[in-house]
């Protein structure tokens, strides 16, 4: 955990190799066995979450290649036993754990490495964070900051297109529909999604009629 926080990639690789060699199946990993009451890291912080908070592409890839996963947090209104117990014990810590998870999920490097459809993932996360910002007023600023990061990431993907053809392919891609071919009528499925999810940073430029990552408020 300290190696990840210091973004010491070589140390992370060496420590993981040691862990894989000496770990006994069924036993907790070393970072799980640490007494978190006297640790610099709270119990909700895993190596993957910490690496995502640092937005360190190399360390995230190392952890993901070894099978690390980060599930979506339970809904803010979840009534499962785990959520009820956690909220009753410490409601503030419960909310902060959710924020910590979303902060990791909105890491541009994590989205790029783990999502089959990064643009859609960014749109969906932005929409969910918008909902959370309205439901948890005391943490509105944190959720809005993460939402802005998702929108910036989505538009930066469009910035990286090198040709008008690449841009057309991205904007007309529909994972649930028929495959779009160059020369066909533009469906602009991604622009429709941007409108659906209220992605304000994706706009129409007057000179090209194509969505641009330039934000015009």
N, C-alpha and C. Protein backbone atom coordinates (compact mmCIF):
# COMPACT_ATOMS: atom_id res chain seq x y z
N UNK A 1 0.83 -1.20 0.00
CA UNK A 1 0.00 0.00 0.00
C UNK A 1 0.87 1.26 0.00
N UNK A 2 1.94 1.24 0.81
CA UNK A 2 2.83 2.40 0.82
C UNK A 2 3.56 2.54 -0.52
N UNK A 3 3.94 1.43 -1.11
CA UNK A 3 4.62 1.48 -2.41
C UNK A 3 3.69 2.06 -3.47
N UNK A 4 2.41 1.70 -3.40
CA UNK A 4 1.44 2.25 -4.36
C UNK A 4 1.27 3.74 -4.12
N UNK A 5 1.16 4.13 -2.85
CA UNK A 5 0.97 5.55 -2.55
C UNK A 5 2.15 6.38 -3.04
N UNK A 6 3.36 5.81 -2.94
CA UNK A 6 4.55 6.52 -3.41
C UNK A 6 4.76 6.33 -4.91
N UNK A 7 3.88 5.54 -5.54
CA UNK A 7 3.93 5.27 -6.98
C UNK A 7 5.29 4.69 -7.39
N UNK A 8 5.76 3.77 -6.55
CA UNK A 8 7.04 3.09 -6.76
C UNK A 8 6.73 1.77 -7.49
N UNK A 9 6.70 1.83 -8.81
CA UNK A 9 6.23 0.72 -9.63
C UNK A 9 7.06 -0.54 -9.41
N UNK A 10 8.40 -0.40 -9.39
CA UNK A 10 9.27 -1.58 -9.23
C UNK A 10 9.03 -2.26 -7.88
N UNK A 11 8.82 -1.46 -6.84
CA UNK A 11 8.57 -2.05 -5.52
C UNK A 11 7.24 -2.80 -5.50
N UNK A 12 6.24 -2.25 -6.17
CA UNK A 12 4.94 -2.93 -6.26
C UNK A 12 5.10 -4.28 -6.93
N UNK A 13 5.86 -4.33 -8.01
CA UNK A 13 6.07 -5.60 -8.72
C UNK A 13 6.79 -6.62 -7.86
N UNK A 14 7.82 -6.18 -7.15
CA UNK A 14 8.60 -7.09 -6.29
C UNK A 14 7.74 -7.62 -5.15
N UNK A 15 6.97 -6.75 -4.50
CA UNK A 15 6.14 -7.15 -3.38
C UNK A 15 5.02 -8.09 -3.82
N UNK A 16 4.46 -7.84 -4.99
CA UNK A 16 3.42 -8.73 -5.50
C UNK A 16 4.00 -10.11 -5.84
N UNK A 17 5.19 -10.11 -6.39
CA UNK A 17 5.85 -11.39 -6.70
C UNK A 17 6.10 -12.18 -5.41
N UNK A 18 6.53 -11.49 -4.35
CA UNK A 18 6.73 -12.15 -3.06
C UNK A 18 5.41 -12.69 -2.53
N UNK A 19 4.36 -11.88 -2.65
CA UNK A 19 3.04 -12.28 -2.17
C UNK A 19 2.56 -13.55 -2.89
N UNK A 20 2.72 -13.57 -4.20
CA UNK A 20 2.27 -14.72 -4.99
C UNK A 20 3.06 -15.97 -4.64
N UNK A 21 4.34 -15.80 -4.29
CA UNK A 21 5.18 -16.97 -3.99
C UNK A 21 4.86 -17.56 -2.62
N UNK A 22 4.59 -16.70 -1.62
CA UNK A 22 4.43 -17.16 -0.26
C UNK A 22 2.99 -17.24 0.23
N UNK A 23 2.05 -16.71 -0.53
CA UNK A 23 0.66 -16.71 -0.07
C UNK A 23 0.08 -18.12 -0.03
N UNK A 24 -0.59 -18.43 1.06
CA UNK A 24 -1.24 -19.73 1.22
C UNK A 24 -2.72 -19.57 0.85
N UNK A 25 -3.20 -20.38 -0.10
CA UNK A 25 -4.60 -20.26 -0.51
C UNK A 25 -5.54 -20.37 0.69
N UNK A 26 -6.49 -19.45 0.76
CA UNK A 26 -7.43 -19.43 1.87
C UNK A 26 -7.08 -18.44 2.95
N UNK A 27 -5.79 -18.09 3.06
CA UNK A 27 -5.35 -17.10 4.05
C UNK A 27 -5.52 -15.70 3.47
N UNK A 28 -5.70 -14.70 4.33
CA UNK A 28 -5.79 -13.32 3.82
C UNK A 28 -4.45 -12.87 3.27
N UNK A 29 -4.50 -12.00 2.29
CA UNK A 29 -3.26 -11.42 1.77
C UNK A 29 -2.68 -10.48 2.82
N UNK A 30 -1.41 -10.14 2.67
CA UNK A 30 -0.74 -9.33 3.70
C UNK A 30 -1.44 -7.99 3.92
N UNK A 31 -1.89 -7.37 2.84
CA UNK A 31 -2.53 -6.06 3.01
C UNK A 31 -3.91 -6.20 3.67
N UNK A 32 -4.50 -7.39 3.60
CA UNK A 32 -5.79 -7.62 4.26
C UNK A 32 -5.60 -7.92 5.75
N UNK A 33 -4.45 -8.48 6.10
CA UNK A 33 -4.20 -8.90 7.48
C UNK A 33 -3.70 -7.77 8.37
N UNK A 34 -3.37 -6.64 7.79
CA UNK A 34 -2.85 -5.51 8.58
C UNK A 34 -3.95 -4.95 9.48
N UNK A 35 -3.56 -4.60 10.69
CA UNK A 35 -4.49 -3.96 11.62
C UNK A 35 -4.72 -2.52 11.16
N UNK A 36 -5.90 -2.25 10.56
CA UNK A 36 -6.15 -0.92 9.99
C UNK A 36 -6.42 0.14 11.06
N UNK A 37 -6.64 -0.25 12.32
CA UNK A 37 -6.89 0.74 13.36
C UNK A 37 -5.65 1.60 13.60
N UNK A 38 -4.49 1.05 13.32
CA UNK A 38 -3.25 1.80 13.50
C UNK A 38 -2.55 2.05 12.16
N UNK A 39 -3.29 1.84 11.08
CA UNK A 39 -2.72 1.99 9.75
C UNK A 39 -3.05 3.35 9.16
N UNK A 40 -2.28 3.73 8.17
CA UNK A 40 -2.53 5.00 7.47
C UNK A 40 -3.67 4.87 6.48
N UNK A 41 -4.16 3.63 6.29
CA UNK A 41 -5.20 3.38 5.29
C UNK A 41 -6.45 2.82 5.97
N UNK A 42 -7.60 3.38 5.62
CA UNK A 42 -8.86 2.92 6.19
C UNK A 42 -9.24 1.56 5.59
N UNK A 43 -10.11 0.80 6.25
CA UNK A 43 -10.44 -0.56 5.79
C UNK A 43 -11.02 -0.64 4.38
N UNK A 44 -11.64 0.44 3.91
CA UNK A 44 -12.26 0.40 2.58
C UNK A 44 -11.25 0.60 1.45
N UNK A 45 -10.01 0.95 1.79
CA UNK A 45 -9.00 1.21 0.76
C UNK A 45 -8.26 -0.08 0.42
N UNK A 46 -8.43 -0.52 -0.80
CA UNK A 46 -7.72 -1.70 -1.31
C UNK A 46 -6.57 -1.21 -2.19
N UNK A 47 -5.63 -2.10 -2.53
CA UNK A 47 -4.55 -1.69 -3.44
C UNK A 47 -5.07 -1.11 -4.75
N UNK A 48 -6.12 -1.71 -5.32
CA UNK A 48 -6.65 -1.22 -6.59
C UNK A 48 -7.29 0.16 -6.42
N UNK A 49 -8.04 0.34 -5.35
CA UNK A 49 -8.66 1.64 -5.10
C UNK A 49 -7.58 2.71 -4.91
N UNK A 50 -6.54 2.38 -4.15
CA UNK A 50 -5.48 3.35 -3.91
C UNK A 50 -4.75 3.70 -5.21
N UNK A 51 -4.46 2.70 -6.03
CA UNK A 51 -3.79 2.96 -7.32
C UNK A 51 -4.67 3.81 -8.23
N UNK A 52 -6.00 3.57 -8.16
CA UNK A 52 -6.92 4.37 -8.97
C UNK A 52 -6.98 5.81 -8.46
N UNK A 53 -6.91 5.99 -7.15
CA UNK A 53 -6.88 7.34 -6.60
C UNK A 53 -5.64 8.09 -7.10
N UNK A 54 -4.53 7.36 -7.24
CA UNK A 54 -3.30 7.97 -7.75
C UNK A 54 -3.33 8.10 -9.27
N UNK A 55 -4.30 7.43 -9.90
CA UNK A 55 -4.43 7.42 -11.36
C UNK A 55 -3.13 6.96 -12.03
N UNK A 56 -2.51 5.95 -11.42
CA UNK A 56 -1.24 5.44 -11.93
C UNK A 56 -1.50 4.29 -12.91
N UNK A 57 -1.31 4.56 -14.18
CA UNK A 57 -1.64 3.59 -15.23
C UNK A 57 -0.85 2.30 -15.07
N UNK A 58 0.45 2.41 -14.84
CA UNK A 58 1.30 1.22 -14.76
C UNK A 58 0.90 0.31 -13.61
N UNK A 59 0.70 0.89 -12.43
CA UNK A 59 0.35 0.07 -11.26
C UNK A 59 -1.04 -0.51 -11.43
N UNK A 60 -1.96 0.25 -11.97
CA UNK A 60 -3.31 -0.28 -12.21
C UNK A 60 -3.26 -1.48 -13.15
N UNK A 61 -2.47 -1.38 -14.20
CA UNK A 61 -2.37 -2.50 -15.15
C UNK A 61 -1.78 -3.73 -14.47
N UNK A 62 -0.77 -3.53 -13.63
CA UNK A 62 -0.17 -4.65 -12.90
C UNK A 62 -1.22 -5.36 -12.04
N UNK A 63 -2.02 -4.58 -11.32
CA UNK A 63 -3.03 -5.15 -10.42
C UNK A 63 -4.17 -5.81 -11.21
N UNK A 64 -4.62 -5.15 -12.27
CA UNK A 64 -5.71 -5.72 -13.09
C UNK A 64 -5.27 -7.00 -13.78
N UNK A 65 -4.03 -7.05 -14.24
CA UNK A 65 -3.51 -8.26 -14.88
C UNK A 65 -3.45 -9.44 -13.91
N UNK A 66 -3.41 -9.13 -12.61
CA UNK A 66 -3.39 -10.18 -11.59
C UNK A 66 -4.79 -10.48 -11.05
N UNK A 67 -5.79 -9.93 -11.69
CA UNK A 67 -7.17 -10.28 -11.35
C UNK A 67 -7.86 -9.38 -10.36
N UNK A 68 -7.25 -8.25 -10.00
CA UNK A 68 -7.90 -7.32 -9.08
C UNK A 68 -9.16 -6.74 -9.72
N UNK A 69 -10.22 -6.59 -8.93
CA UNK A 69 -11.47 -6.05 -9.44
C UNK A 69 -12.00 -4.98 -8.50
N UNK A 70 -12.86 -4.14 -9.04
CA UNK A 70 -13.48 -3.09 -8.25
C UNK A 70 -14.97 -3.04 -8.60
N UNK A 71 -15.81 -3.69 -7.79
CA UNK A 71 -17.26 -3.70 -8.09
C UNK A 71 -17.88 -2.35 -7.84
N UNK A 72 -19.02 -2.12 -8.47
CA UNK A 72 -19.77 -0.89 -8.22
C UNK A 72 -20.27 -0.87 -6.79
N UNK A 73 -20.25 0.28 -6.14
CA UNK A 73 -20.77 0.38 -4.77
C UNK A 73 -22.27 0.08 -4.74
N UNK A 74 -22.76 -0.35 -3.59
CA UNK A 74 -24.19 -0.55 -3.44
C UNK A 74 -24.92 0.79 -3.58
N UNK A 75 -26.17 0.72 -4.02
CA UNK A 75 -26.96 1.93 -4.18
C UNK A 75 -27.04 2.68 -2.86
N UNK A 76 -27.15 4.01 -2.95
CA UNK A 76 -27.19 4.84 -1.75
C UNK A 76 -28.37 4.49 -0.85
N UNK A 77 -29.42 3.91 -1.44
CA UNK A 77 -30.59 3.52 -0.67
C UNK A 77 -30.66 2.02 -0.42
N UNK A 78 -29.54 1.34 -0.62
CA UNK A 78 -29.51 -0.12 -0.45
C UNK A 78 -29.89 -0.49 0.99
N UNK A 79 -30.72 -1.52 1.11
CA UNK A 79 -31.17 -1.95 2.43
C UNK A 79 -30.65 -3.32 2.82
N UNK A 80 -29.56 -3.76 2.18
CA UNK A 80 -28.99 -5.07 2.53
C UNK A 80 -28.40 -5.01 3.93
N UNK A 81 -28.19 -6.17 4.53
CA UNK A 81 -27.68 -6.25 5.90
C UNK A 81 -26.34 -5.54 6.05
N UNK A 82 -25.47 -5.73 5.05
CA UNK A 82 -24.13 -5.11 5.11
C UNK A 82 -24.22 -3.59 5.15
N UNK A 83 -25.07 -3.02 4.28
CA UNK A 83 -25.19 -1.56 4.22
C UNK A 83 -25.87 -1.00 5.47
N UNK A 84 -26.91 -1.69 5.93
CA UNK A 84 -27.62 -1.24 7.13
C UNK A 84 -26.69 -1.25 8.34
N UNK A 85 -25.93 -2.33 8.50
CA UNK A 85 -25.02 -2.44 9.64
C UNK A 85 -23.93 -1.38 9.57
N UNK A 86 -23.36 -1.19 8.37
CA UNK A 86 -22.29 -0.21 8.20
C UNK A 86 -22.79 1.20 8.48
N UNK A 87 -23.99 1.51 8.01
CA UNK A 87 -24.56 2.85 8.22
C UNK A 87 -24.87 3.09 9.69
N UNK A 88 -25.38 2.07 10.37
CA UNK A 88 -25.72 2.22 11.79
C UNK A 88 -24.46 2.38 12.65
N UNK A 89 -23.39 1.70 12.26
CA UNK A 89 -22.15 1.77 13.04
C UNK A 89 -21.48 3.14 12.88
N UNK A 90 -21.43 3.63 11.64
CA UNK A 90 -20.79 4.92 11.38
C UNK A 90 -21.29 5.41 10.02
N UNK A 91 -22.33 6.21 10.02
CA UNK A 91 -22.95 6.66 8.78
C UNK A 91 -21.99 7.51 7.94
N UNK A 92 -21.15 8.30 8.63
CA UNK A 92 -20.20 9.14 7.89
C UNK A 92 -19.17 8.29 7.18
N UNK A 93 -18.61 7.32 7.88
CA UNK A 93 -17.63 6.42 7.28
C UNK A 93 -18.27 5.64 6.12
N UNK A 94 -19.54 5.25 6.29
CA UNK A 94 -20.25 4.51 5.25
C UNK A 94 -20.33 5.36 3.97
N UNK A 95 -20.68 6.63 4.12
CA UNK A 95 -20.78 7.53 2.96
C UNK A 95 -19.41 7.79 2.36
N UNK A 96 -18.40 7.95 3.20
CA UNK A 96 -17.06 8.21 2.71
C UNK A 96 -16.48 7.02 1.96
N UNK A 97 -16.87 5.81 2.38
CA UNK A 97 -16.44 4.61 1.66
C UNK A 97 -17.01 4.60 0.25
N UNK A 98 -18.25 5.02 0.12
CA UNK A 98 -18.87 5.09 -1.21
C UNK A 98 -18.16 6.13 -2.07
N UNK A 99 -17.86 7.28 -1.48
CA UNK A 99 -17.15 8.32 -2.22
C UNK A 99 -15.78 7.81 -2.66
N UNK A 100 -15.09 7.10 -1.77
CA UNK A 100 -13.77 6.56 -2.09
C UNK A 100 -13.85 5.60 -3.27
N UNK A 101 -14.89 4.76 -3.29
CA UNK A 101 -15.06 3.80 -4.39
C UNK A 101 -15.32 4.53 -5.71
N UNK A 102 -16.17 5.53 -5.69
CA UNK A 102 -16.47 6.27 -6.92
C UNK A 102 -15.27 7.09 -7.38
N UNK A 103 -14.49 7.58 -6.44
CA UNK A 103 -13.28 8.30 -6.81
C UNK A 103 -12.34 7.38 -7.59
N UNK A 104 -12.31 6.12 -7.18
CA UNK A 104 -11.49 5.14 -7.90
C UNK A 104 -12.10 4.80 -9.26
N UNK A 105 -13.40 4.59 -9.29
CA UNK A 105 -14.08 4.21 -10.53
C UNK A 105 -13.98 5.29 -11.60
N UNK A 106 -13.85 6.55 -11.18
CA UNK A 106 -13.77 7.63 -12.15
C UNK A 106 -12.34 7.95 -12.57
N UNK A 107 -11.39 7.15 -12.13
CA UNK A 107 -10.00 7.33 -12.57
C UNK A 107 -9.92 7.11 -14.07
N UNK A 108 -9.44 8.08 -14.84
CA UNK A 108 -9.32 7.89 -16.29
C UNK A 108 -8.52 6.65 -16.67
N UNK A 109 -7.43 6.40 -15.95
CA UNK A 109 -6.60 5.23 -16.27
C UNK A 109 -7.34 3.93 -16.02
N UNK A 110 -8.12 3.87 -14.93
CA UNK A 110 -8.88 2.65 -14.64
C UNK A 110 -9.96 2.43 -15.69
N UNK A 111 -10.66 3.49 -16.08
CA UNK A 111 -11.69 3.36 -17.11
C UNK A 111 -11.06 2.86 -18.41
N UNK A 112 -9.94 3.47 -18.79
CA UNK A 112 -9.28 3.09 -20.04
C UNK A 112 -8.82 1.63 -20.03
N UNK A 113 -8.38 1.15 -18.87
CA UNK A 113 -7.84 -0.21 -18.77
C UNK A 113 -8.91 -1.27 -18.59
N UNK A 114 -10.02 -0.94 -17.96
CA UNK A 114 -10.97 -1.97 -17.56
C UNK A 114 -12.28 -1.98 -18.34
N UNK A 115 -12.59 -0.91 -19.07
CA UNK A 115 -13.88 -0.83 -19.75
C UNK A 115 -13.75 -1.19 -21.22
N UNK A 116 -14.69 -1.98 -21.71
CA UNK A 116 -14.74 -2.29 -23.13
C UNK A 116 -15.29 -1.12 -23.93
N UNK A 117 -15.97 -0.21 -23.26
CA UNK A 117 -16.57 0.96 -23.91
C UNK A 117 -16.35 2.17 -23.01
N UNK A 118 -15.14 2.73 -23.01
CA UNK A 118 -14.80 3.82 -22.08
C UNK A 118 -15.73 5.03 -22.17
N UNK A 119 -16.16 5.37 -23.39
CA UNK A 119 -17.01 6.54 -23.55
C UNK A 119 -18.36 6.33 -22.86
N UNK A 120 -18.94 5.17 -23.06
CA UNK A 120 -20.22 4.86 -22.42
C UNK A 120 -20.05 4.78 -20.90
N UNK A 121 -18.97 4.18 -20.44
CA UNK A 121 -18.71 4.09 -19.00
C UNK A 121 -18.62 5.48 -18.38
N UNK A 122 -17.93 6.39 -19.05
CA UNK A 122 -17.81 7.76 -18.55
C UNK A 122 -19.18 8.44 -18.49
N UNK A 123 -20.00 8.23 -19.52
CA UNK A 123 -21.35 8.82 -19.54
C UNK A 123 -22.18 8.28 -18.38
N UNK A 124 -22.16 6.96 -18.18
CA UNK A 124 -22.98 6.34 -17.14
C UNK A 124 -22.52 6.75 -15.74
N UNK A 125 -21.20 6.82 -15.54
CA UNK A 125 -20.69 7.26 -14.24
C UNK A 125 -21.07 8.71 -13.97
N UNK A 126 -20.97 9.54 -14.99
CA UNK A 126 -21.33 10.95 -14.84
C UNK A 126 -22.79 11.09 -14.43
N UNK A 127 -23.66 10.29 -15.06
CA UNK A 127 -25.09 10.34 -14.74
C UNK A 127 -25.37 9.88 -13.31
N UNK A 128 -24.70 8.80 -12.90
CA UNK A 128 -24.87 8.29 -11.54
C UNK A 128 -24.37 9.30 -10.50
N UNK A 129 -23.25 9.94 -10.79
CA UNK A 129 -22.71 10.93 -9.87
C UNK A 129 -23.62 12.16 -9.78
N UNK A 130 -24.26 12.48 -10.86
CA UNK A 130 -25.24 13.57 -10.84
C UNK A 130 -26.38 13.24 -9.89
N UNK A 131 -26.84 11.99 -9.95
CA UNK A 131 -27.92 11.55 -9.06
C UNK A 131 -27.46 11.58 -7.60
N UNK A 132 -26.25 11.09 -7.34
CA UNK A 132 -25.75 11.06 -5.98
C UNK A 132 -25.55 12.47 -5.41
N UNK A 133 -25.13 13.40 -6.25
CA UNK A 133 -24.91 14.76 -5.77
C UNK A 133 -26.21 15.40 -5.30
N UNK A 134 -27.32 14.94 -5.85
CA UNK A 134 -28.62 15.48 -5.46
C UNK A 134 -29.20 14.75 -4.25
N UNK A 135 -28.74 13.52 -4.03
CA UNK A 135 -29.27 12.74 -2.92
C UNK A 135 -28.46 12.94 -1.64
N UNK A 136 -27.16 13.18 -1.80
CA UNK A 136 -26.30 13.38 -0.63
C UNK A 136 -25.74 14.81 -0.68
N UNK A 137 -26.56 15.73 -0.23
CA UNK A 137 -26.21 17.14 -0.35
C UNK A 137 -24.91 17.51 0.34
N UNK A 138 -24.62 16.84 1.46
CA UNK A 138 -23.41 17.19 2.21
C UNK A 138 -22.13 16.84 1.45
N UNK A 139 -22.25 15.96 0.45
CA UNK A 139 -21.09 15.57 -0.35
C UNK A 139 -21.25 16.01 -1.81
N UNK A 140 -22.10 16.98 -2.04
CA UNK A 140 -22.39 17.42 -3.42
C UNK A 140 -21.13 17.87 -4.14
N UNK A 141 -20.28 18.62 -3.46
CA UNK A 141 -19.08 19.14 -4.11
C UNK A 141 -18.18 18.01 -4.59
N UNK A 142 -17.99 16.99 -3.74
CA UNK A 142 -17.13 15.86 -4.12
C UNK A 142 -17.69 15.13 -5.33
N UNK A 143 -19.00 14.87 -5.33
CA UNK A 143 -19.61 14.16 -6.45
C UNK A 143 -19.57 14.99 -7.73
N UNK A 144 -19.77 16.28 -7.62
CA UNK A 144 -19.73 17.13 -8.81
C UNK A 144 -18.32 17.20 -9.39
N UNK A 145 -17.31 17.18 -8.54
CA UNK A 145 -15.93 17.18 -9.03
C UNK A 145 -15.64 15.90 -9.81
N UNK A 146 -16.11 14.77 -9.28
CA UNK A 146 -15.90 13.50 -9.98
C UNK A 146 -16.68 13.46 -11.29
N UNK A 147 -17.88 14.04 -11.27
CA UNK A 147 -18.69 14.09 -12.49
C UNK A 147 -17.99 14.91 -13.56
N UNK A 148 -17.41 16.05 -13.16
CA UNK A 148 -16.68 16.88 -14.12
C UNK A 148 -15.48 16.13 -14.69
N UNK A 149 -14.83 15.32 -13.86
CA UNK A 149 -13.69 14.53 -14.33
C UNK A 149 -14.12 13.51 -15.38
N UNK A 150 -15.28 12.89 -15.17
CA UNK A 150 -15.80 11.93 -16.16
C UNK A 150 -16.09 12.62 -17.48
N UNK A 151 -16.69 13.79 -17.42
CA UNK A 151 -17.01 14.50 -18.64
C UNK A 151 -15.75 14.95 -19.38
N UNK A 152 -14.75 15.38 -18.61
CA UNK A 152 -13.49 15.77 -19.23
C UNK A 152 -12.82 14.58 -19.89
N UNK A 153 -12.88 13.42 -19.24
CA UNK A 153 -12.30 12.21 -19.83
C UNK A 153 -13.01 11.84 -21.13
N UNK A 154 -14.34 11.91 -21.13
CA UNK A 154 -15.10 11.57 -22.33
C UNK A 154 -14.74 12.46 -23.50
N UNK A 155 -14.64 13.76 -23.24
CA UNK A 155 -14.30 14.67 -24.33
C UNK A 155 -12.85 14.52 -24.76
N UNK A 156 -11.97 14.15 -23.82
CA UNK A 156 -10.57 13.96 -24.20
C UNK A 156 -10.41 12.78 -25.15
N UNK A 157 -11.31 11.79 -25.04
CA UNK A 157 -11.27 10.67 -25.99
C UNK A 157 -11.53 11.17 -27.41
N UNK A 158 -12.46 12.10 -27.54
CA UNK A 158 -12.74 12.67 -28.86
C UNK A 158 -11.56 13.51 -29.34
N UNK A 159 -10.88 14.16 -28.41
CA UNK A 159 -9.71 14.97 -28.77
C UNK A 159 -8.60 14.12 -29.39
N UNK A 160 -8.57 12.84 -29.04
CA UNK A 160 -7.47 11.99 -29.51
C UNK A 160 -7.75 11.36 -30.88
N UNK A 161 -8.88 11.64 -31.47
CA UNK A 161 -9.11 11.14 -32.82
C UNK A 161 -8.18 11.86 -33.78
N UNK A 162 -7.60 11.11 -34.71
CA UNK A 162 -6.59 11.69 -35.61
C UNK A 162 -7.17 12.11 -36.95
N UNK A 163 -8.29 11.49 -37.33
CA UNK A 163 -8.89 11.81 -38.63
C UNK A 163 -10.40 11.95 -38.47
N UNK A 164 -11.03 12.54 -39.47
CA UNK A 164 -12.49 12.68 -39.44
C UNK A 164 -13.15 11.30 -39.48
N UNK A 165 -12.51 10.32 -40.14
CA UNK A 165 -13.07 8.97 -40.19
C UNK A 165 -13.10 8.34 -38.81
N UNK A 166 -12.00 8.49 -38.03
CA UNK A 166 -11.98 7.96 -36.67
C UNK A 166 -13.09 8.60 -35.83
N UNK A 167 -13.28 9.90 -36.00
CA UNK A 167 -14.33 10.60 -35.26
C UNK A 167 -15.70 10.08 -35.64
N UNK A 168 -15.92 9.84 -36.95
CA UNK A 168 -17.20 9.30 -37.41
C UNK A 168 -17.47 7.93 -36.81
N UNK A 169 -16.43 7.08 -36.80
CA UNK A 169 -16.58 5.73 -36.24
C UNK A 169 -16.98 5.80 -34.77
N UNK A 170 -16.32 6.68 -34.02
CA UNK A 170 -16.62 6.80 -32.60
C UNK A 170 -18.04 7.31 -32.37
N UNK A 171 -18.43 8.33 -33.11
CA UNK A 171 -19.73 8.97 -32.87
C UNK A 171 -20.90 8.14 -33.36
N UNK A 172 -20.66 7.26 -34.33
CA UNK A 172 -21.74 6.43 -34.87
C UNK A 172 -21.77 5.02 -34.28
N UNK A 173 -20.86 4.74 -33.38
CA UNK A 173 -20.79 3.39 -32.80
C UNK A 173 -22.00 3.12 -31.91
N UNK A 174 -22.62 1.97 -32.14
CA UNK A 174 -23.75 1.54 -31.33
C UNK A 174 -23.52 0.07 -30.96
N UNK A 175 -23.07 -0.21 -29.72
CA UNK A 175 -22.74 -1.59 -29.35
C UNK A 175 -23.93 -2.54 -29.37
N UNK A 176 -25.14 -2.00 -29.30
CA UNK A 176 -26.33 -2.85 -29.27
C UNK A 176 -27.06 -2.89 -30.61
N UNK A 177 -26.54 -2.17 -31.60
CA UNK A 177 -27.21 -2.11 -32.90
C UNK A 177 -26.33 -2.67 -34.01
N UNK A 178 -26.68 -2.32 -35.23
CA UNK A 178 -25.91 -2.80 -36.37
C UNK A 178 -24.60 -2.03 -36.49
N UNK A 179 -23.62 -2.72 -37.06
CA UNK A 179 -22.30 -2.12 -37.22
C UNK A 179 -22.37 -1.01 -38.28
N UNK A 180 -21.88 0.17 -37.92
CA UNK A 180 -21.88 1.30 -38.86
C UNK A 180 -20.68 1.23 -39.77
N UNK A 181 -20.91 1.47 -41.07
CA UNK A 181 -19.84 1.46 -42.05
C UNK A 181 -19.65 2.86 -42.63
N UNK A 182 -18.41 3.26 -42.90
CA UNK A 182 -18.17 4.57 -43.52
C UNK A 182 -18.97 4.72 -44.81
N UNK A 183 -19.54 5.88 -45.01
CA UNK A 183 -20.36 6.14 -46.19
C UNK A 183 -21.84 6.02 -45.93
N UNK A 184 -22.19 5.31 -44.84
CA UNK A 184 -23.59 5.20 -44.47
C UNK A 184 -24.06 6.49 -43.81
N UNK A 185 -25.36 6.63 -43.72
CA UNK A 185 -25.92 7.81 -43.08
C UNK A 185 -25.50 7.83 -41.60
N UNK A 186 -25.10 9.00 -41.15
CA UNK A 186 -24.65 9.13 -39.77
C UNK A 186 -25.82 8.96 -38.80
N UNK A 187 -25.63 8.07 -37.82
CA UNK A 187 -26.66 7.86 -36.80
C UNK A 187 -26.38 8.69 -35.54
N UNK A 188 -25.09 9.04 -35.36
CA UNK A 188 -24.66 9.85 -34.22
C UNK A 188 -25.16 9.28 -32.89
N UNK A 189 -25.02 7.97 -32.74
CA UNK A 189 -25.50 7.32 -31.53
C UNK A 189 -24.83 7.88 -30.27
N UNK A 190 -23.54 8.19 -30.36
CA UNK A 190 -22.84 8.70 -29.19
C UNK A 190 -23.29 10.11 -28.83
N UNK A 191 -23.62 10.90 -29.83
CA UNK A 191 -24.13 12.23 -29.55
C UNK A 191 -25.49 12.14 -28.86
N UNK A 192 -26.30 11.18 -29.30
CA UNK A 192 -27.60 10.98 -28.66
C UNK A 192 -27.42 10.56 -27.20
N UNK A 193 -26.43 9.69 -26.97
CA UNK A 193 -26.14 9.28 -25.59
C UNK A 193 -25.68 10.47 -24.76
N UNK A 194 -24.84 11.32 -25.37
CA UNK A 194 -24.35 12.49 -24.64
C UNK A 194 -25.51 13.39 -24.22
N UNK A 195 -26.48 13.54 -25.09
CA UNK A 195 -27.66 14.34 -24.77
C UNK A 195 -28.49 13.65 -23.69
N UNK A 196 -28.65 12.34 -23.82
CA UNK A 196 -29.42 11.56 -22.84
C UNK A 196 -28.83 11.68 -21.45
N UNK A 197 -27.50 11.59 -21.37
CA UNK A 197 -26.82 11.65 -20.08
C UNK A 197 -26.38 13.06 -19.69
N UNK A 198 -26.85 14.05 -20.45
CA UNK A 198 -26.59 15.47 -20.14
C UNK A 198 -25.10 15.77 -20.02
N UNK A 199 -24.37 15.37 -21.05
CA UNK A 199 -22.93 15.64 -21.09
C UNK A 199 -22.70 16.99 -21.76
N UNK A 200 -22.67 18.04 -20.96
CA UNK A 200 -22.63 19.40 -21.48
C UNK A 200 -21.34 19.73 -22.22
N UNK A 201 -20.27 19.01 -21.92
CA UNK A 201 -18.99 19.34 -22.55
C UNK A 201 -18.89 18.81 -23.98
N UNK A 202 -19.85 18.01 -24.40
CA UNK A 202 -19.88 17.55 -25.79
C UNK A 202 -20.87 18.45 -26.51
N UNK A 203 -20.39 19.25 -27.44
CA UNK A 203 -21.24 20.23 -28.11
C UNK A 203 -21.04 20.18 -29.61
N UNK A 204 -21.82 20.92 -30.35
CA UNK A 204 -21.71 20.99 -31.81
C UNK A 204 -20.90 22.21 -32.20
N UNK A 205 -19.87 22.00 -33.00
CA UNK A 205 -19.08 23.13 -33.47
C UNK A 205 -19.70 23.65 -34.75
N UNK A 206 -19.87 24.96 -34.91
CA UNK A 206 -20.58 25.51 -36.05
C UNK A 206 -19.87 25.27 -37.38
N UNK A 207 -18.55 25.09 -37.36
CA UNK A 207 -17.83 24.97 -38.63
C UNK A 207 -17.83 23.55 -39.17
N UNK A 208 -18.05 22.54 -38.30
CA UNK A 208 -17.97 21.17 -38.77
C UNK A 208 -19.25 20.38 -38.59
N UNK A 209 -20.14 20.88 -37.76
CA UNK A 209 -21.36 20.14 -37.41
C UNK A 209 -21.07 18.84 -36.69
N UNK A 210 -19.85 18.72 -36.14
CA UNK A 210 -19.50 17.52 -35.38
C UNK A 210 -19.37 17.88 -33.92
N UNK A 211 -19.72 16.93 -33.02
CA UNK A 211 -19.51 17.18 -31.60
C UNK A 211 -18.04 17.44 -31.33
N UNK A 212 -17.79 18.38 -30.47
CA UNK A 212 -16.42 18.75 -30.13
C UNK A 212 -16.22 18.66 -28.64
N UNK A 213 -14.98 18.44 -28.23
CA UNK A 213 -14.69 18.38 -26.80
C UNK A 213 -14.49 19.76 -26.22
N UNK A 214 -14.63 20.79 -27.02
CA UNK A 214 -14.52 22.14 -26.50
C UNK A 214 -15.79 22.50 -25.76
N UNK A 215 -15.67 22.85 -24.51
CA UNK A 215 -16.84 23.15 -23.69
C UNK A 215 -17.30 24.58 -23.95
N UNK A 216 -18.56 24.72 -24.26
CA UNK A 216 -19.13 26.05 -24.42
C UNK A 216 -20.35 26.14 -23.55
N UNK A 217 -20.24 26.79 -22.43
CA UNK A 217 -21.32 26.84 -21.46
C UNK A 217 -22.29 27.96 -21.82
